[in-house]
Amino acid sequence: MEKLCGAPVHGNISRSLEVLLESIQVTQARRKDEIVNAANPQRPGVPRSGNEKDVLALAAALRVLAGATRRARTSLWCVAQMVWPK
């Protein structure tokens, strides 16, 4: 982004993109955990609370991802306003 602007951008803009990348990676890991645990059959008579924990962890990761996406979108819009000619 610094190359587009010709000057360094605010640290919050770079940080919002880093947080977005981190939240994408966490969401991917939670989804992978859910798939692995759903593929492993449970023993009869054993509660499936582990599966519920995986789904809740994935839902929490998706909530964080949604917030990070909104913040990154706003940050990129701010950079675009600085870069685009008026």
PDB file of N, CA and C in Angstrom:
ATOM      1  N   MET A   1       0.823  -1.191   0.000  1.00  0.00           N
ATOM      2  CA  MET A   1       0.000   0.000   0.000  1.00  0.00           C
ATOM      3  C   MET A   1       0.864   1.251   0.000  1.00  0.00           C
ATOM      4  N   GLU A   2       2.019   1.140   0.639  1.00  0.00           N
ATOM      5  CA  GLU A   2       2.898   2.301   0.675  1.00  0.00           C
ATOM      6  C   GLU A   2       3.345   2.695  -0.730  1.00  0.00           C
ATOM      7  N   LYS A   3       3.490   1.698  -1.609  1.00  0.00           N
ATOM      8  CA  LYS A   3       3.898   1.982  -2.984  1.00  0.00           C
ATOM      9  C   LYS A   3       2.811   2.752  -3.724  1.00  0.00           C
ATOM     10  N   LEU A   4       1.559   2.442  -3.442  1.00  0.00           N
ATOM     11  CA  LEU A   4       0.457   3.150  -4.097  1.00  0.00           C
ATOM     12  C   LEU A   4       0.390   4.601  -3.649  1.00  0.00           C
ATOM     13  N   CYS A   5       0.565   4.819  -2.367  1.00  0.00           N
ATOM     14  CA  CYS A   5       0.445   6.176  -1.827  1.00  0.00           C
ATOM     15  C   CYS A   5       1.691   7.010  -2.082  1.00  0.00           C
ATOM     16  N   GLY A   6       2.823   6.365  -2.206  1.00  0.00           N
ATOM     17  CA  GLY A   6       4.060   7.108  -2.327  1.00  0.00           C
ATOM     18  C   GLY A   6       4.578   7.569  -0.974  1.00  0.00           C
ATOM     19  N   ALA A   7       3.869   7.234   0.073  1.00  0.00           N
ATOM     20  CA  ALA A   7       4.259   7.596   1.433  1.00  0.00           C
ATOM     21  C   ALA A   7       3.734   6.513   2.374  1.00  0.00           C
ATOM     22  N   PRO A   8       4.321   6.412   3.543  1.00  0.00           N
ATOM     23  CA  PRO A   8       3.824   5.404   4.480  1.00  0.00           C
ATOM     24  C   PRO A   8       2.385   5.695   4.901  1.00  0.00           C
ATOM     25  N   VAL A   9       1.616   4.641   5.059  1.00  0.00           N
ATOM     26  CA  VAL A   9       0.231   4.796   5.512  1.00  0.00           C
ATOM     27  C   VAL A   9       0.188   4.635   7.027  1.00  0.00           C
ATOM     28  N   HIS A  10      -0.918   4.994   7.599  1.00  0.00           N
ATOM     29  CA  HIS A  10      -1.091   4.919   9.048  1.00  0.00           C
ATOM     30  C   HIS A  10      -0.950   3.468   9.510  1.00  0.00           C
ATOM     31  N   GLY A  11      -0.393   3.284  10.676  1.00  0.00           N
ATOM     32  CA  GLY A  11      -0.167   1.946  11.212  1.00  0.00           C
ATOM     33  C   GLY A  11      -1.436   1.151  11.433  1.00  0.00           C
ATOM     34  N   ASN A  12      -2.542   1.832  11.720  1.00  0.00           N
ATOM     35  CA  ASN A  12      -3.801   1.122  11.941  1.00  0.00           C
ATOM     36  C   ASN A  12      -4.289   0.434  10.675  1.00  0.00           C
ATOM     37  N   ILE A  13      -3.972   0.998   9.523  1.00  0.00           N
ATOM     38  CA  ILE A  13      -4.403   0.392   8.264  1.00  0.00           C
ATOM     39  C   ILE A  13      -3.658  -0.915   8.041  1.00  0.00           C
ATOM     40  N   SER A  14      -2.358  -0.890   8.231  1.00  0.00           N
ATOM     41  CA  SER A  14      -1.571  -2.120   8.089  1.00  0.00           C
ATOM     42  C   SER A  14      -1.984  -3.144   9.135  1.00  0.00           C
ATOM     43  N   ARG A  15      -2.234  -2.686  10.335  1.00  0.00           N
ATOM     44  CA  ARG A  15      -2.627  -3.601  11.412  1.00  0.00           C
ATOM     45  C   ARG A  15      -3.979  -4.246  11.127  1.00  0.00           C
ATOM     46  N   SER A  16      -4.912  -3.503  10.557  1.00  0.00           N
ATOM     47  CA  SER A  16      -6.227  -4.083  10.261  1.00  0.00           C
ATOM     48  C   SER A  16      -6.106  -5.191   9.219  1.00  0.00           C
ATOM     49  N   LEU A  17      -5.192  -5.033   8.277  1.00  0.00           N
ATOM     50  CA  LEU A  17      -4.985  -6.088   7.282  1.00  0.00           C
ATOM     51  C   LEU A  17      -4.291  -7.302   7.897  1.00  0.00           C
ATOM     52  N   GLU A  18      -3.384  -7.068   8.841  1.00  0.00           N
ATOM     53  CA  GLU A  18      -2.743  -8.181   9.541  1.00  0.00           C
ATOM     54  C   GLU A  18      -3.760  -8.955  10.375  1.00  0.00           C
ATOM     55  N   VAL A  19      -4.644  -8.232  11.046  1.00  0.00           N
ATOM     56  CA  VAL A  19      -5.684  -8.877  11.856  1.00  0.00           C
ATOM     57  C   VAL A  19      -6.621  -9.678  10.959  1.00  0.00           C
ATOM     58  N   LEU A  20      -6.927  -9.152   9.785  1.00  0.00           N
ATOM     59  CA  LEU A  20      -7.774  -9.885   8.844  1.00  0.00           C
ATOM     60  C   LEU A  20      -7.110 -11.193   8.440  1.00  0.00           C
ATOM     61  N   LEU A  21      -5.833 -11.159   8.114  1.00  0.00           N
ATOM     62  CA  LEU A  21      -5.117 -12.375   7.733  1.00  0.00           C
ATOM     63  C   LEU A  21      -5.093 -13.375   8.879  1.00  0.00           C
ATOM     64  N   GLU A  22      -4.845 -12.901  10.088  1.00  0.00           N
ATOM     65  CA  GLU A  22      -4.835 -13.783  11.255  1.00  0.00           C
ATOM     66  C   GLU A  22      -6.203 -14.423  11.474  1.00  0.00           C
ATOM     67  N   SER A  23      -7.262 -13.648  11.338  1.00  0.00           N
ATOM     68  CA  SER A  23      -8.602 -14.189  11.567  1.00  0.00           C
ATOM     69  C   SER A  23      -8.983 -15.183  10.473  1.00  0.00           C
ATOM     70  N   ILE A  24      -8.511 -14.974   9.257  1.00  0.00           N
ATOM     71  CA  ILE A  24      -8.746 -15.953   8.189  1.00  0.00           C
ATOM     72  C   ILE A  24      -8.056 -17.266   8.535  1.00  0.00           C
ATOM     73  N   GLN A  25      -6.827 -17.190   9.008  1.00  0.00           N
ATOM     74  CA  GLN A  25      -6.087 -18.399   9.358  1.00  0.00           C
ATOM     75  C   GLN A  25      -6.730 -19.132  10.529  1.00  0.00           C
ATOM     76  N   VAL A  26      -7.212 -18.395  11.521  1.00  0.00           N
ATOM     77  CA  VAL A  26      -7.880 -19.023  12.666  1.00  0.00           C
ATOM     78  C   VAL A  26      -9.173 -19.692  12.221  1.00  0.00           C
ATOM     79  N   THR A  27      -9.936 -19.022  11.365  1.00  0.00           N
ATOM     80  CA  THR A  27     -11.187 -19.594  10.872  1.00  0.00           C
ATOM     81  C   THR A  27     -10.918 -20.865  10.082  1.00  0.00           C
ATOM     82  N   GLN A  28      -9.892 -20.856   9.251  1.00  0.00           N
ATOM     83  CA  GLN A  28      -9.541 -22.056   8.493  1.00  0.00           C
ATOM     84  C   GLN A  28      -9.162 -23.200   9.428  1.00  0.00           C
ATOM     85  N   ALA A  29      -8.420 -22.903  10.487  1.00  0.00           N
ATOM     86  CA  ALA A  29      -8.026 -23.938  11.439  1.00  0.00           C
ATOM     87  C   ALA A  29      -9.241 -24.498  12.174  1.00  0.00           C
ATOM     88  N   ARG A  30     -10.165 -23.621  12.579  1.00  0.00           N
ATOM     89  CA  ARG A  30     -11.378 -24.092  13.274  1.00  0.00           C
ATOM     90  C   ARG A  30     -12.236 -24.959  12.352  1.00  0.00           C
ATOM     91  N   ARG A  31     -12.326 -24.575  11.103  1.00  0.00           N
ATOM     92  CA  ARG A  31     -13.111 -25.362  10.143  1.00  0.00           C
ATOM     93  C   ARG A  31     -12.460 -26.722   9.928  1.00  0.00           C
ATOM     94  N   LYS A  32     -11.139 -26.744   9.839  1.00  0.00           N
ATOM     95  CA  LYS A  32     -10.430 -28.009   9.671  1.00  0.00           C
ATOM     96  C   LYS A  32     -10.669 -28.911  10.881  1.00  0.00           C
ATOM     97  N   ASP A  33     -10.604 -28.334  12.086  1.00  0.00           N
ATOM     98  CA  ASP A  33     -10.870 -29.110  13.301  1.00  0.00           C
ATOM     99  C   ASP A  33     -12.278 -29.679  13.290  1.00  0.00           C
ATOM    100  N   GLU A  34     -13.234 -28.867  12.862  1.00  0.00           N
ATOM    101  CA  GLU A  34     -14.617 -29.332  12.820  1.00  0.00           C
ATOM    102  C   GLU A  34     -14.771 -30.489  11.843  1.00  0.00           C
ATOM    103  N   ILE A  35     -14.152 -30.375  10.677  1.00  0.00           N
ATOM    104  CA  ILE A  35     -14.258 -31.436   9.668  1.00  0.00           C
ATOM    105  C   ILE A  35     -13.610 -32.721  10.169  1.00  0.00           C
ATOM    106  N   VAL A  36     -12.427 -32.607  10.773  1.00  0.00           N
ATOM    107  CA  VAL A  36     -11.726 -33.791  11.273  1.00  0.00           C
ATOM    108  C   VAL A  36     -12.546 -34.474  12.355  1.00  0.00           C
ATOM    109  N   ASN A  37     -13.076 -33.708  13.287  1.00  0.00           N
ATOM    110  CA  ASN A  37     -13.844 -34.306  14.378  1.00  0.00           C
ATOM    111  C   ASN A  37     -15.198 -34.823  13.916  1.00  0.00           C
ATOM    112  N   ALA A  38     -15.780 -34.219  12.894  1.00  0.00           N
ATOM    113  CA  ALA A  38     -17.054 -34.720  12.372  1.00  0.00           C
ATOM    114  C   ALA A  38     -16.846 -36.009  11.592  1.00  0.00           C
ATOM    115  N   ALA A  39     -15.673 -36.173  10.996  1.00  0.00           N
ATOM    116  CA  ALA A  39     -15.391 -37.380  10.216  1.00  0.00           C
ATOM    117  C   ALA A  39     -15.104 -38.574  11.113  1.00  0.00           C
ATOM    118  N   ASN A  40     -14.617 -38.320  12.317  1.00  0.00           N
ATOM    119  CA  ASN A  40     -14.343 -39.409  13.253  1.00  0.00           C
ATOM    120  C   ASN A  40     -15.644 -39.820  13.921  1.00  0.00           C
ATOM    121  N   PRO A  41     -16.068 -41.056  13.719  1.00  0.00           N
ATOM    122  CA  PRO A  41     -17.340 -41.475  14.327  1.00  0.00           C
ATOM    123  C   PRO A  41     -17.230 -41.544  15.852  1.00  0.00           C
ATOM    124  N   GLN A  42     -18.294 -41.138  16.502  1.00  0.00           N
ATOM    125  CA  GLN A  42     -18.357 -41.186  17.958  1.00  0.00           C
ATOM    126  C   GLN A  42     -18.755 -42.593  18.394  1.00  0.00           C
ATOM    127  N   ARG A  43     -18.298 -42.963  19.561  1.00  0.00           N
ATOM    128  CA  ARG A  43     -18.703 -44.252  20.104  1.00  0.00           C
ATOM    129  C   ARG A  43     -20.146 -44.164  20.585  1.00  0.00           C
ATOM    130  N   PRO A  44     -20.886 -45.241  20.466  1.00  0.00           N
ATOM    131  CA  PRO A  44     -22.280 -45.210  20.933  1.00  0.00           C
ATOM    132  C   PRO A  44     -22.349 -44.932  22.433  1.00  0.00           C
ATOM    133  N   GLY A  45     -23.294 -44.099  22.801  1.00  0.00           N
ATOM    134  CA  GLY A  45     -23.511 -43.778  24.202  1.00  0.00           C
ATOM    135  C   GLY A  45     -22.656 -42.639  24.723  1.00  0.00           C
ATOM    136  N   VAL A  46     -21.732 -42.155  23.920  1.00  0.00           N
ATOM    137  CA  VAL A  46     -20.870 -41.051  24.346  1.00  0.00           C
ATOM    138  C   VAL A  46     -21.486 -39.751  23.843  1.00  0.00           C
ATOM    139  N   PRO A  47     -21.651 -38.770  24.714  1.00  0.00           N
ATOM    140  CA  PRO A  47     -22.236 -37.503  24.256  1.00  0.00           C
ATOM    141  C   PRO A  47     -21.355 -36.822  23.210  1.00  0.00           C
ATOM    142  N   ARG A  48     -21.984 -36.088  22.326  1.00  0.00           N
ATOM    143  CA  ARG A  48     -21.276 -35.430  21.229  1.00  0.00           C
ATOM    144  C   ARG A  48     -20.949 -33.975  21.573  1.00  0.00           C
ATOM    145  N   SER A  49     -20.618 -33.727  22.818  1.00  0.00           N
ATOM    146  CA  SER A  49     -20.341 -32.351  23.227  1.00  0.00           C
ATOM    147  C   SER A  49     -19.086 -31.802  22.556  1.00  0.00           C
ATOM    148  N   GLY A  50     -18.141 -32.661  22.203  1.00  0.00           N
ATOM    149  CA  GLY A  50     -16.945 -32.206  21.505  1.00  0.00           C
ATOM    150  C   GLY A  50     -17.279 -31.604  20.163  1.00  0.00           C
ATOM    151  N   ASN A  51     -18.266 -32.191  19.483  1.00  0.00           N
ATOM    152  CA  ASN A  51     -18.696 -31.663  18.189  1.00  0.00           C
ATOM    153  C   ASN A  51     -19.319 -30.287  18.369  1.00  0.00           C
ATOM    154  N   GLU A  52     -20.092 -30.115  19.425  1.00  0.00           N
ATOM    155  CA  GLU A  52     -20.703 -28.815  19.691  1.00  0.00           C
ATOM    156  C   GLU A  52     -19.644 -27.767  19.998  1.00  0.00           C
ATOM    157  N   LYS A  53     -18.597 -28.166  20.699  1.00  0.00           N
ATOM    158  CA  LYS A  53     -17.514 -27.229  21.005  1.00  0.00           C
ATOM    159  C   LYS A  53     -16.821 -26.769  19.727  1.00  0.00           C
ATOM    160  N   ASP A  54     -16.652 -27.692  18.783  1.00  0.00           N
ATOM    161  CA  ASP A  54     -16.027 -27.331  17.509  1.00  0.00           C
ATOM    162  C   ASP A  54     -16.891 -26.344  16.739  1.00  0.00           C
ATOM    163  N   VAL A  55     -18.190 -26.579  16.751  1.00  0.00           N
ATOM    164  CA  VAL A  55     -19.100 -25.687  16.036  1.00  0.00           C
ATOM    165  C   VAL A  55     -19.126 -24.310  16.698  1.00  0.00           C
ATOM    166  N   LEU A  56     -19.133 -24.279  18.023  1.00  0.00           N
ATOM    167  CA  LEU A  56     -19.118 -22.997  18.732  1.00  0.00           C
ATOM    168  C   LEU A  56     -17.805 -22.248  18.503  1.00  0.00           C
ATOM    169  N   ALA A  57     -16.692 -22.976  18.460  1.00  0.00           N
ATOM    170  CA  ALA A  57     -15.400 -22.334  18.183  1.00  0.00           C
ATOM    171  C   ALA A  57     -15.377 -21.772  16.767  1.00  0.00           C
ATOM    172  N   LEU A  58     -15.956 -22.510  15.829  1.00  0.00           N
ATOM    173  CA  LEU A  58     -16.029 -22.020  14.450  1.00  0.00           C
ATOM    174  C   LEU A  58     -16.924 -20.791  14.365  1.00  0.00           C
ATOM    175  N   ALA A  59     -18.038 -20.799  15.074  1.00  0.00           N
ATOM    176  CA  ALA A  59     -18.935 -19.640  15.062  1.00  0.00           C
ATOM    177  C   ALA A  59     -18.248 -18.410  15.656  1.00  0.00           C
ATOM    178  N   ALA A  60     -17.497 -18.600  16.720  1.00  0.00           N
ATOM    179  CA  ALA A  60     -16.767 -17.476  17.315  1.00  0.00           C
ATOM    180  C   ALA A  60     -15.705 -16.949  16.354  1.00  0.00           C
ATOM    181  N   ALA A  61     -15.018 -17.852  15.667  1.00  0.00           N
ATOM    182  CA  ALA A  61     -14.001 -17.433  14.698  1.00  0.00           C
ATOM    183  C   ALA A  61     -14.637 -16.680  13.539  1.00  0.00           C
ATOM    184  N   LEU A  62     -15.815 -17.113  13.114  1.00  0.00           N
ATOM    185  CA  LEU A  62     -16.512 -16.414  12.029  1.00  0.00           C
ATOM    186  C   LEU A  62     -16.962 -15.025  12.465  1.00  0.00           C
ATOM    187  N   ARG A  63     -17.362 -14.884  13.714  1.00  0.00           N
ATOM    188  CA  ARG A  63     -17.754 -13.572  14.232  1.00  0.00           C
ATOM    189  C   ARG A  63     -16.559 -12.616  14.223  1.00  0.00           C
ATOM    190  N   VAL A  64     -15.409 -13.114  14.656  1.00  0.00           N
ATOM    191  CA  VAL A  64     -14.191 -12.295  14.640  1.00  0.00           C
ATOM    192  C   VAL A  64     -13.800 -11.961  13.207  1.00  0.00           C
ATOM    193  N   LEU A  65     -13.940 -12.931  12.307  1.00  0.00           N
ATOM    194  CA  LEU A  65     -13.615 -12.703  10.896  1.00  0.00           C
ATOM    195  C   LEU A  65     -14.514 -11.638  10.285  1.00  0.00           C
ATOM    196  N   ALA A  66     -15.788 -11.654  10.630  1.00  0.00           N
ATOM    197  CA  ALA A  66     -16.709 -10.641  10.099  1.00  0.00           C
ATOM    198  C   ALA A  66     -16.302  -9.243  10.559  1.00  0.00           C
ATOM    199  N   GLY A  67     -15.950  -9.101  11.822  1.00  0.00           N
ATOM    200  CA  GLY A  67     -15.509  -7.800  12.324  1.00  0.00           C
ATOM    201  C   GLY A  67     -14.210  -7.348  11.681  1.00  0.00           C
ATOM    202  N   ALA A  68     -13.273  -8.275  11.522  1.00  0.00           N
ATOM    203  CA  ALA A  68     -11.994  -7.929  10.895  1.00  0.00           C
ATOM    204  C   ALA A  68     -12.190  -7.547   9.436  1.00  0.00           C
ATOM    205  N   THR A  69     -13.124  -8.205   8.771  1.00  0.00           N
ATOM    206  CA  THR A  69     -13.402  -7.880   7.371  1.00  0.00           C
ATOM    207  C   THR A  69     -13.967  -6.475   7.249  1.00  0.00           C
ATOM    208  N   ARG A  70     -14.879  -6.113   8.145  1.00  0.00           N
ATOM    209  CA  ARG A  70     -15.437  -4.755   8.116  1.00  0.00           C
ATOM    210  C   ARG A  70     -14.361  -3.705   8.358  1.00  0.00           C
ATOM    211  N   ARG A  71     -13.494  -3.954   9.341  1.00  0.00           N
ATOM    212  CA  ARG A  71     -12.432  -2.989   9.629  1.00  0.00           C
ATOM    213  C   ARG A  71     -11.443  -2.880   8.475  1.00  0.00           C
ATOM    214  N   ALA A  72     -11.091  -4.004   7.857  1.00  0.00           N
ATOM    215  CA  ALA A  72     -10.155  -3.971   6.728  1.00  0.00           C
ATOM    216  C   ALA A  72     -10.781  -3.268   5.533  1.00  0.00           C
ATOM    217  N   ARG A  73     -12.059  -3.507   5.305  1.00  0.00           N
ATOM    218  CA  ARG A  73     -12.745  -2.837   4.191  1.00  0.00           C
ATOM    219  C   ARG A  73     -12.744  -1.324   4.400  1.00  0.00           C
ATOM    220  N   THR A  74     -13.010  -0.891   5.609  1.00  0.00           N
ATOM    221  CA  THR A  74     -12.993   0.540   5.907  1.00  0.00           C
ATOM    222  C   THR A  74     -11.592   1.112   5.740  1.00  0.00           C
ATOM    223  N   SER A  75     -10.592   0.386   6.200  1.00  0.00           N
ATOM    224  CA  SER A  75      -9.211   0.852   6.060  1.00  0.00           C
ATOM    225  C   SER A  75      -8.815   0.978   4.598  1.00  0.00           C
ATOM    226  N   LEU A  76      -9.172  -0.012   3.799  1.00  0.00           N
ATOM    227  CA  LEU A  76      -8.837   0.045   2.374  1.00  0.00           C
ATOM    228  C   LEU A  76      -9.583   1.178   1.680  1.00  0.00           C
ATOM    229  N   TRP A  77     -10.798   1.462   2.121  1.00  0.00           N
ATOM    230  CA  TRP A  77     -11.545   2.584   1.544  1.00  0.00           C
ATOM    231  C   TRP A  77     -10.824   3.894   1.868  1.00  0.00           C
ATOM    232  N   CYS A  78     -10.319   4.020   3.090  1.00  0.00           N
ATOM    233  CA  CYS A  78      -9.584   5.235   3.468  1.00  0.00           C
ATOM    234  C   CYS A  78      -8.329   5.401   2.622  1.00  0.00           C
ATOM    235  N   VAL A  79      -7.604   4.305   2.401  1.00  0.00           N
ATOM    236  CA  VAL A  79      -6.405   4.374   1.564  1.00  0.00           C
ATOM    237  C   VAL A  79      -6.783   4.742   0.139  1.00  0.00           C
ATOM    238  N   ALA A  80      -7.863   4.180  -0.355  1.00  0.00           N
ATOM    239  CA  ALA A  80      -8.301   4.490  -1.719  1.00  0.00           C
ATOM    240  C   ALA A  80      -8.643   5.967  -1.850  1.00  0.00           C
ATOM    241  N   GLN A  81      -9.249   6.542  -0.831  1.00  0.00           N
ATOM    242  CA  GLN A  81      -9.580   7.960  -0.879  1.00  0.00           C
ATOM    243  C   GLN A  81      -8.324   8.827  -0.908  1.00  0.00           C
ATOM    244  N   MET A  82      -7.273   8.365  -0.264  1.00  0.00           N
ATOM    245  CA  MET A  82      -6.022   9.122  -0.277  1.00  0.00           C
ATOM    246  C   MET A  82      -5.299   8.986  -1.613  1.00  0.00           C
ATOM    247  N   VAL A  83      -5.413   7.825  -2.252  1.00  0.00           N
ATOM    248  CA  VAL A  83      -4.643   7.537  -3.465  1.00  0.00           C
ATOM    249  C   VAL A  83      -5.336   8.051  -4.716  1.00  0.00           C
ATOM    250  N   TRP A  84      -6.639   7.863  -4.799  1.00  0.00           N
ATOM    251  CA  TRP A  84      -7.355   8.237  -6.020  1.00  0.00           C
ATOM    252  C   TRP A  84      -7.308   9.745  -6.244  1.00  0.00           C
ATOM    253  N   PRO A  85      -7.132  10.151  -7.498  1.00  0.00           N
ATOM    254  CA  PRO A  85      -7.142  11.597  -7.771  1.00  0.00           C
ATOM    255  C   PRO A  85      -8.535  12.175  -7.552  1.00  0.00           C
ATOM    256  N   LYS A  86      -8.554  13.431  -7.199  1.00  0.00           N
ATOM    257  CA  LYS A  86      -9.849  14.066  -6.910  1.00  0.00           C
ATOM    258  C   LYS A  86     -10.372  14.807  -8.091  1.00  0.00           C
TER     259      LYS A  86
END
